[in-house]
Amino acid sequence: MTTYTLVGRDGRPHASPTPGTLGGHRRTKVYGRLDCPGALRWIAKGKYVTHRVFFADEDTAIAAGFRPCHTCLPDQYRVWRDATT
């Protein structure tokens, strides 16, 4: 059986039998879709992978202290931005 490492609501990694639905960057605390063009560009340059984390869902990413990506989640980003300014 394949095991995946996901970040939980507490911000700590844990084993999961199912893959994550969202990816994030540990240092910038940004989460987004797995097919995010911005993240894929950085991955192609070899810059992003060592700080990549995965989440089961959006609620977990938010609880762990991450914010939405403005590139692939523009609506969620606007809501987050408006709530924090």
PDB file of N, CA and C in Angstrom:
ATOM      1  N   MET A   1       0.844  -1.185   0.000  1.00  0.00           N
ATOM      2  CA  MET A   1       0.000   0.000   0.000  1.00  0.00           C
ATOM      3  C   MET A   1       0.891   1.250   0.000  1.00  0.00           C
ATOM      4  N   THR A   2       0.537   2.216  -0.821  1.00  0.00           N
ATOM      5  CA  THR A   2       1.269   3.469  -0.892  1.00  0.00           C
ATOM      6  C   THR A   2       0.838   4.371   0.258  1.00  0.00           C
ATOM      7  N   THR A   3       1.808   5.046   0.858  1.00  0.00           N
ATOM      8  CA  THR A   3       1.527   6.005   1.913  1.00  0.00           C
ATOM      9  C   THR A   3       2.001   7.377   1.461  1.00  0.00           C
ATOM     10  N   TYR A   4       1.185   8.376   1.714  1.00  0.00           N
ATOM     11  CA  TYR A   4       1.496   9.750   1.340  1.00  0.00           C
ATOM     12  C   TYR A   4       1.722  10.569   2.609  1.00  0.00           C
ATOM     13  N   THR A   5       2.555  11.571   2.517  1.00  0.00           N
ATOM     14  CA  THR A   5       2.777  12.457   3.651  1.00  0.00           C
ATOM     15  C   THR A   5       2.018  13.753   3.414  1.00  0.00           C
ATOM     16  N   LEU A   6       1.071  14.022   4.290  1.00  0.00           N
ATOM     17  CA  LEU A   6       0.263  15.235   4.211  1.00  0.00           C
ATOM     18  C   LEU A   6       0.496  16.080   5.450  1.00  0.00           C
ATOM     19  N   VAL A   7       0.284  17.379   5.333  1.00  0.00           N
ATOM     20  CA  VAL A   7       0.356  18.267   6.483  1.00  0.00           C
ATOM     21  C   VAL A   7      -1.041  18.353   7.079  1.00  0.00           C
ATOM     22  N   GLY A   8      -1.111  18.210   8.394  1.00  0.00           N
ATOM     23  CA  GLY A   8      -2.394  18.259   9.086  1.00  0.00           C
ATOM     24  C   GLY A   8      -2.748  19.654   9.544  1.00  0.00           C
ATOM     25  N   ARG A   9      -3.891  19.768  10.205  1.00  0.00           N
ATOM     26  CA  ARG A   9      -4.382  21.057  10.708  1.00  0.00           C
ATOM     27  C   ARG A   9      -3.403  21.700  11.681  1.00  0.00           C
ATOM     28  N   ASP A  10      -2.592  20.866  12.333  1.00  0.00           N
ATOM     29  CA  ASP A  10      -1.611  21.374  13.294  1.00  0.00           C
ATOM     30  C   ASP A  10      -0.303  21.800  12.628  1.00  0.00           C
ATOM     31  N   GLY A  11      -0.233  21.679  11.296  1.00  0.00           N
ATOM     32  CA  GLY A  11       0.972  22.065  10.562  1.00  0.00           C
ATOM     33  C   GLY A  11       2.055  21.009  10.548  1.00  0.00           C
ATOM     34  N   ARG A  12       1.764  19.854  11.103  1.00  0.00           N
ATOM     35  CA  ARG A  12       2.755  18.770  11.159  1.00  0.00           C
ATOM     36  C   ARG A  12       2.440  17.690  10.125  1.00  0.00           C
ATOM     37  N   PRO A  13       3.489  17.061   9.597  1.00  0.00           N
ATOM     38  CA  PRO A  13       3.272  15.993   8.611  1.00  0.00           C
ATOM     39  C   PRO A  13       2.718  14.727   9.266  1.00  0.00           C
ATOM     40  N   HIS A  14       1.921  14.005   8.496  1.00  0.00           N
ATOM     41  CA  HIS A  14       1.398  12.718   8.952  1.00  0.00           C
ATOM     42  C   HIS A  14       1.189  11.813   7.741  1.00  0.00           C
ATOM     43  N   ALA A  15       1.187  10.525   7.986  1.00  0.00           N
ATOM     44  CA  ALA A  15       0.993   9.540   6.918  1.00  0.00           C
ATOM     45  C   ALA A  15      -0.493   9.455   6.580  1.00  0.00           C
ATOM     46  N   SER A  16      -0.764   9.276   5.303  1.00  0.00           N
ATOM     47  CA  SER A  16      -2.144   9.152   4.828  1.00  0.00           C
ATOM     48  C   SER A  16      -2.199   8.097   3.730  1.00  0.00           C
ATOM     49  N   PRO A  17      -3.264   7.295   3.697  1.00  0.00           N
ATOM     50  CA  PRO A  17      -3.407   6.320   2.613  1.00  0.00           C
ATOM     51  C   PRO A  17      -3.863   6.951   1.301  1.00  0.00           C
ATOM     52  N   THR A  18      -4.324   8.222   1.352  1.00  0.00           N
ATOM     53  CA  THR A  18      -4.784   8.913   0.145  1.00  0.00           C
ATOM     54  C   THR A  18      -3.897  10.124  -0.150  1.00  0.00           C
ATOM     55  N   PRO A  19      -3.693  10.431  -1.418  1.00  0.00           N
ATOM     56  CA  PRO A  19      -2.858  11.591  -1.763  1.00  0.00           C
ATOM     57  C   PRO A  19      -3.575  12.893  -1.448  1.00  0.00           C
ATOM     58  N   GLY A  20      -2.803  13.960  -1.350  1.00  0.00           N
ATOM     59  CA  GLY A  20      -3.372  15.275  -1.104  1.00  0.00           C
ATOM     60  C   GLY A  20      -4.067  15.820  -2.333  1.00  0.00           C
ATOM     61  N   THR A  21      -4.964  16.769  -2.110  1.00  0.00           N
ATOM     62  CA  THR A  21      -5.670  17.408  -3.220  1.00  0.00           C
ATOM     63  C   THR A  21      -5.106  18.790  -3.524  1.00  0.00           C
ATOM     64  N   LEU A  22      -4.284  19.317  -2.596  1.00  0.00           N
ATOM     65  CA  LEU A  22      -3.675  20.630  -2.768  1.00  0.00           C
ATOM     66  C   LEU A  22      -2.201  20.558  -2.403  1.00  0.00           C
ATOM     67  N   GLY A  23      -1.410  21.408  -3.039  1.00  0.00           N
ATOM     68  CA  GLY A  23       0.005  21.496  -2.712  1.00  0.00           C
ATOM     69  C   GLY A  23       0.307  22.837  -2.086  1.00  0.00           C
ATOM     70  N   GLY A  24       1.433  22.917  -1.419  1.00  0.00           N
ATOM     71  CA  GLY A  24       1.818  24.173  -0.789  1.00  0.00           C
ATOM     72  C   GLY A  24       3.318  24.323  -0.721  1.00  0.00           C
ATOM     73  N   HIS A  25       3.748  25.499  -0.297  1.00  0.00           N
ATOM     74  CA  HIS A  25       5.162  25.785  -0.132  1.00  0.00           C
ATOM     75  C   HIS A  25       5.395  26.104   1.339  1.00  0.00           C
ATOM     76  N   ARG A  26       6.221  25.298   1.982  1.00  0.00           N
ATOM     77  CA  ARG A  26       6.441  25.387   3.419  1.00  0.00           C
ATOM     78  C   ARG A  26       6.935  26.759   3.866  1.00  0.00           C
ATOM     79  N   ARG A  27       7.825  27.371   3.108  1.00  0.00           N
ATOM     80  CA  ARG A  27       8.408  28.659   3.521  1.00  0.00           C
ATOM     81  C   ARG A  27       7.490  29.849   3.284  1.00  0.00           C
ATOM     82  N   THR A  28       6.817  29.882   2.146  1.00  0.00           N
ATOM     83  CA  THR A  28       5.960  31.037   1.846  1.00  0.00           C
ATOM     84  C   THR A  28       4.561  30.886   2.430  1.00  0.00           C
ATOM     85  N   LYS A  29       4.217  29.690   2.867  1.00  0.00           N
ATOM     86  CA  LYS A  29       2.903  29.411   3.462  1.00  0.00           C
ATOM     87  C   LYS A  29       1.771  29.689   2.476  1.00  0.00           C
ATOM     88  N   VAL A  30       1.975  29.289   1.222  1.00  0.00           N
ATOM     89  CA  VAL A  30       0.970  29.438   0.168  1.00  0.00           C
ATOM     90  C   VAL A  30       0.526  28.046  -0.251  1.00  0.00           C
ATOM     91  N   TYR A  31      -0.780  27.864  -0.457  1.00  0.00           N
ATOM     92  CA  TYR A  31      -1.287  26.595  -0.972  1.00  0.00           C
ATOM     93  C   TYR A  31      -2.055  26.843  -2.262  1.00  0.00           C
ATOM     94  N   GLY A  32      -2.133  25.806  -3.105  1.00  0.00           N
ATOM     95  CA  GLY A  32      -2.860  25.933  -4.357  1.00  0.00           C
ATOM     96  C   GLY A  32      -3.124  24.578  -4.991  1.00  0.00           C
ATOM     97  N   ARG A  33      -3.665  24.636  -6.177  1.00  0.00           N
ATOM     98  CA  ARG A  33      -3.970  23.405  -6.919  1.00  0.00           C
ATOM     99  C   ARG A  33      -2.679  22.692  -7.308  1.00  0.00           C
ATOM    100  N   LEU A  34      -2.760  21.406  -7.491  1.00  0.00           N
ATOM    101  CA  LEU A  34      -1.586  20.631  -7.886  1.00  0.00           C
ATOM    102  C   LEU A  34      -1.129  20.975  -9.297  1.00  0.00           C
ATOM    103  N   ASP A  35      -2.015  21.531 -10.107  1.00  0.00           N
ATOM    104  CA  ASP A  35      -1.658  21.917 -11.470  1.00  0.00           C
ATOM    105  C   ASP A  35      -1.431  23.426 -11.607  1.00  0.00           C
ATOM    106  N   CYS A  36      -1.138  24.103 -10.514  1.00  0.00           N
ATOM    107  CA  CYS A  36      -0.925  25.549 -10.536  1.00  0.00           C
ATOM    108  C   CYS A  36       0.228  25.900 -11.481  1.00  0.00           C
ATOM    109  N   PRO A  37       0.000  26.776 -12.454  1.00  0.00           N
ATOM    110  CA  PRO A  37       1.064  27.146 -13.387  1.00  0.00           C
ATOM    111  C   PRO A  37       2.282  27.760 -12.689  1.00  0.00           C
ATOM    112  N   GLY A  38       2.046  28.576 -11.668  1.00  0.00           N
ATOM    113  CA  GLY A  38       3.160  29.199 -10.951  1.00  0.00           C
ATOM    114  C   GLY A  38       4.028  28.167 -10.254  1.00  0.00           C
ATOM    115  N   ALA A  39       3.396  27.237  -9.554  1.00  0.00           N
ATOM    116  CA  ALA A  39       4.145  26.185  -8.861  1.00  0.00           C
ATOM    117  C   ALA A  39       4.866  25.291  -9.864  1.00  0.00           C
ATOM    118  N   LEU A  40       4.209  24.955 -10.960  1.00  0.00           N
ATOM    119  CA  LEU A  40       4.833  24.079 -11.960  1.00  0.00           C
ATOM    120  C   LEU A  40       6.056  24.737 -12.600  1.00  0.00           C
ATOM    121  N   ARG A  41       6.016  26.057 -12.783  1.00  0.00           N
ATOM    122  CA  ARG A  41       7.193  26.758 -13.311  1.00  0.00           C
ATOM    123  C   ARG A  41       8.363  26.640 -12.345  1.00  0.00           C
ATOM    124  N   TRP A  42       8.113  26.842 -11.053  1.00  0.00           N
ATOM    125  CA  TRP A  42       9.192  26.736 -10.060  1.00  0.00           C
ATOM    126  C   TRP A  42       9.700  25.305  -9.953  1.00  0.00           C
ATOM    127  N   ILE A  43       8.787  24.334 -10.020  1.00  0.00           N
ATOM    128  CA  ILE A  43       9.197  22.929  -9.967  1.00  0.00           C
ATOM    129  C   ILE A  43      10.095  22.612 -11.155  1.00  0.00           C
ATOM    130  N   ALA A  44       9.744  23.109 -12.338  1.00  0.00           N
ATOM    131  CA  ALA A  44      10.550  22.870 -13.539  1.00  0.00           C
ATOM    132  C   ALA A  44      11.953  23.446 -13.395  1.00  0.00           C
ATOM    133  N   LYS A  45      12.090  24.529 -12.628  1.00  0.00           N
ATOM    134  CA  LYS A  45      13.402  25.136 -12.390  1.00  0.00           C
ATOM    135  C   LYS A  45      14.158  24.437 -11.263  1.00  0.00           C
ATOM    136  N   GLY A  46      13.495  23.483 -10.595  1.00  0.00           N
ATOM    137  CA  GLY A  46      14.132  22.755  -9.506  1.00  0.00           C
ATOM    138  C   GLY A  46      14.205  23.533  -8.206  1.00  0.00           C
ATOM    139  N   LYS A  47      13.418  24.585  -8.072  1.00  0.00           N
ATOM    140  CA  LYS A  47      13.503  25.460  -6.905  1.00  0.00           C
ATOM    141  C   LYS A  47      12.464  25.168  -5.825  1.00  0.00           C
ATOM    142  N   TYR A  48      11.419  24.483  -6.131  1.00  0.00           N
ATOM    143  CA  TYR A  48      10.236  24.405  -5.277  1.00  0.00           C
ATOM    144  C   TYR A  48      10.129  23.094  -4.504  1.00  0.00           C
ATOM    145  N   VAL A  49      10.655  22.049  -5.064  1.00  0.00           N
ATOM    146  CA  VAL A  49      10.380  20.685  -4.615  1.00  0.00           C
ATOM    147  C   VAL A  49      10.762  20.419  -3.161  1.00  0.00           C
ATOM    148  N   THR A  50      11.893  20.919  -2.694  1.00  0.00           N
ATOM    149  CA  THR A  50      12.325  20.605  -1.331  1.00  0.00           C
ATOM    150  C   THR A  50      11.423  21.235  -0.264  1.00  0.00           C
ATOM    151  N   HIS A  51      10.638  22.234  -0.629  1.00  0.00           N
ATOM    152  CA  HIS A  51       9.751  22.900   0.319  1.00  0.00           C
ATOM    153  C   HIS A  51       8.282  22.594   0.063  1.00  0.00           C
ATOM    154  N   ARG A  52       8.021  21.637  -0.809  1.00  0.00           N
ATOM    155  CA  ARG A  52       6.653  21.292  -1.190  1.00  0.00           C
ATOM    156  C   ARG A  52       5.996  20.466  -0.098  1.00  0.00           C
ATOM    157  N   VAL A  53       4.753  20.806   0.220  1.00  0.00           N
ATOM    158  CA  VAL A  53       3.935  20.048   1.161  1.00  0.00           C
ATOM    159  C   VAL A  53       2.577  19.806   0.515  1.00  0.00           C
ATOM    160  N   PHE A  54       1.815  18.886   1.084  1.00  0.00           N
ATOM    161  CA  PHE A  54       0.519  18.528   0.511  1.00  0.00           C
ATOM    162  C   PHE A  54      -0.550  18.508   1.592  1.00  0.00           C
ATOM    163  N   PHE A  55      -1.769  18.831   1.185  1.00  0.00           N
ATOM    164  CA  PHE A  55      -2.904  18.896   2.100  1.00  0.00           C
ATOM    165  C   PHE A  55      -4.057  18.055   1.581  1.00  0.00           C
ATOM    166  N   ALA A  56      -4.840  17.527   2.500  1.00  0.00           N
ATOM    167  CA  ALA A  56      -6.016  16.753   2.124  1.00  0.00           C
ATOM    168  C   ALA A  56      -7.088  17.647   1.523  1.00  0.00           C
ATOM    169  N   ASP A  57      -7.222  18.867   2.062  1.00  0.00           N
ATOM    170  CA  ASP A  57      -8.264  19.775   1.588  1.00  0.00           C
ATOM    171  C   ASP A  57      -7.930  21.217   1.977  1.00  0.00           C
ATOM    172  N   GLU A  58      -8.756  22.127   1.513  1.00  0.00           N
ATOM    173  CA  GLU A  58      -8.513  23.548   1.742  1.00  0.00           C
ATOM    174  C   GLU A  58      -8.642  23.933   3.214  1.00  0.00           C
ATOM    175  N   ASP A  59      -9.624  23.369   3.910  1.00  0.00           N
ATOM    176  CA  ASP A  59      -9.792  23.688   5.331  1.00  0.00           C
ATOM    177  C   ASP A  59      -8.538  23.340   6.130  1.00  0.00           C
ATOM    178  N   THR A  60      -7.914  22.224   5.790  1.00  0.00           N
ATOM    179  CA  THR A  60      -6.694  21.807   6.483  1.00  0.00           C
ATOM    180  C   THR A  60      -5.555  22.770   6.187  1.00  0.00           C
ATOM    181  N   ALA A  61      -5.416  23.189   4.951  1.00  0.00           N
ATOM    182  CA  ALA A  61      -4.356  24.128   4.578  1.00  0.00           C
ATOM    183  C   ALA A  61      -4.512  25.450   5.338  1.00  0.00           C
ATOM    184  N   ILE A  62      -5.729  25.946   5.417  1.00  0.00           N
ATOM    185  CA  ILE A  62      -5.993  27.201   6.123  1.00  0.00           C
ATOM    186  C   ILE A  62      -5.707  27.034   7.613  1.00  0.00           C
ATOM    187  N   ALA A  63      -6.171  25.933   8.195  1.00  0.00           N
ATOM    188  CA  ALA A  63      -5.941  25.687   9.618  1.00  0.00           C
ATOM    189  C   ALA A  63      -4.452  25.586   9.938  1.00  0.00           C
ATOM    190  N   ALA A  64      -3.662  25.110   8.990  1.00  0.00           N
ATOM    191  CA  ALA A  64      -2.215  24.969   9.186  1.00  0.00           C
ATOM    192  C   ALA A  64      -1.491  26.306   8.995  1.00  0.00           C
ATOM    193  N   GLY A  65      -2.228  27.362   8.659  1.00  0.00           N
ATOM    194  CA  GLY A  65      -1.633  28.686   8.546  1.00  0.00           C
ATOM    195  C   GLY A  65      -1.204  29.098   7.156  1.00  0.00           C
ATOM    196  N   PHE A  66      -1.703  28.420   6.124  1.00  0.00           N
ATOM    197  CA  PHE A  66      -1.354  28.733   4.741  1.00  0.00           C
ATOM    198  C   PHE A  66      -2.431  29.620   4.127  1.00  0.00           C
ATOM    199  N   ARG A  67      -2.044  30.401   3.123  1.00  0.00           N
ATOM    200  CA  ARG A  67      -2.982  31.265   2.411  1.00  0.00           C
ATOM    201  C   ARG A  67      -3.135  30.776   0.974  1.00  0.00           C
ATOM    202  N   PRO A  68      -4.239  31.120   0.314  1.00  0.00           N
ATOM    203  CA  PRO A  68      -4.462  30.687  -1.065  1.00  0.00           C
ATOM    204  C   PRO A  68      -3.503  31.352  -2.054  1.00  0.00           C
ATOM    205  N   CYS A  69      -3.204  30.648  -3.109  1.00  0.00           N
ATOM    206  CA  CYS A  69      -2.364  31.151  -4.197  1.00  0.00           C
ATOM    207  C   CYS A  69      -3.182  32.124  -5.054  1.00  0.00           C
ATOM    208  N   HIS A  70      -2.596  33.269  -5.389  1.00  0.00           N
ATOM    209  CA  HIS A  70      -3.319  34.237  -6.211  1.00  0.00           C
ATOM    210  C   HIS A  70      -3.399  33.814  -7.671  1.00  0.00           C
ATOM    211  N   THR A  71      -2.523  32.905  -8.098  1.00  0.00           N
ATOM    212  CA  THR A  71      -2.517  32.476  -9.497  1.00  0.00           C
ATOM    213  C   THR A  71      -3.610  31.451  -9.782  1.00  0.00           C
ATOM    214  N   CYS A  72      -3.668  30.382  -8.989  1.00  0.00           N
ATOM    215  CA  CYS A  72      -4.599  29.290  -9.307  1.00  0.00           C
ATOM    216  C   CYS A  72      -5.881  29.316  -8.479  1.00  0.00           C
ATOM    217  N   LEU A  73      -5.910  30.124  -7.416  1.00  0.00           N
ATOM    218  CA  LEU A  73      -7.119  30.241  -6.591  1.00  0.00           C
ATOM    219  C   LEU A  73      -7.465  31.715  -6.388  1.00  0.00           C
ATOM    220  N   PRO A  74      -7.705  32.439  -7.486  1.00  0.00           N
ATOM    221  CA  PRO A  74      -7.902  33.891  -7.374  1.00  0.00           C
ATOM    222  C   PRO A  74      -9.099  34.290  -6.512  1.00  0.00           C
ATOM    223  N   ASP A  75     -10.192  33.559  -6.568  1.00  0.00           N
ATOM    224  CA  ASP A  75     -11.361  33.920  -5.761  1.00  0.00           C
ATOM    225  C   ASP A  75     -11.079  33.746  -4.275  1.00  0.00           C
ATOM    226  N   GLN A  76     -10.477  32.612  -3.915  1.00  0.00           N
ATOM    227  CA  GLN A  76     -10.131  32.373  -2.514  1.00  0.00           C
ATOM    228  C   GLN A  76      -9.075  33.375  -2.044  1.00  0.00           C
ATOM    229  N   TYR A  77      -8.139  33.721  -2.932  1.00  0.00           N
ATOM    230  CA  TYR A  77      -7.108  34.695  -2.579  1.00  0.00           C
ATOM    231  C   TYR A  77      -7.735  36.055  -2.259  1.00  0.00           C
ATOM    232  N   ARG A  78      -8.695  36.504  -3.095  1.00  0.00           N
ATOM    233  CA  ARG A  78      -9.345  37.795  -2.857  1.00  0.00           C
ATOM    234  C   ARG A  78     -10.075  37.814  -1.515  1.00  0.00           C
ATOM    235  N   VAL A  79     -10.754  36.721  -1.198  1.00  0.00           N
ATOM    236  CA  VAL A  79     -11.445  36.628   0.092  1.00  0.00           C
ATOM    237  C   VAL A  79     -10.430  36.715   1.229  1.00  0.00           C
ATOM    238  N   TRP A  80      -9.324  35.976   1.111  1.00  0.00           N
ATOM    239  CA  TRP A  80      -8.279  36.012   2.143  1.00  0.00           C
ATOM    240  C   TRP A  80      -7.686  37.430   2.267  1.00  0.00           C
ATOM    241  N   ARG A  81      -7.347  38.024   1.123  1.00  0.00           N
ATOM    242  CA  ARG A  81      -6.763  39.372   1.111  1.00  0.00           C
ATOM    243  C   ARG A  81      -7.701  40.393   1.761  1.00  0.00           C
ATOM    244  N   ASP A  82      -8.958  40.346   1.385  1.00  0.00           N
ATOM    245  CA  ASP A  82      -9.925  41.302   1.935  1.00  0.00           C
ATOM    246  C   ASP A  82     -10.126  41.110   3.435  1.00  0.00           C
ATOM    247  N   ALA A  83      -9.998  39.887   3.904  1.00  0.00           N
ATOM    248  CA  ALA A  83     -10.168  39.599   5.326  1.00  0.00           C
ATOM    249  C   ALA A  83      -8.942  39.979   6.145  1.00  0.00           C
ATOM    250  N   THR A  84      -7.777  40.098   5.499  1.00  0.00           N
ATOM    251  CA  THR A  84      -6.566  40.383   6.248  1.00  0.00           C
ATOM    252  C   THR A  84      -6.097  41.823   6.103  1.00  0.00           C
ATOM    253  N   THR A  85      -6.791  42.630   5.314  1.00  0.00           N
ATOM    254  CA  THR A  85      -6.366  44.029   5.151  1.00  0.00           C
ATOM    255  C   THR A  85      -7.294  44.971   5.880  1.00  0.00           C
TER     256      THR A  85
END
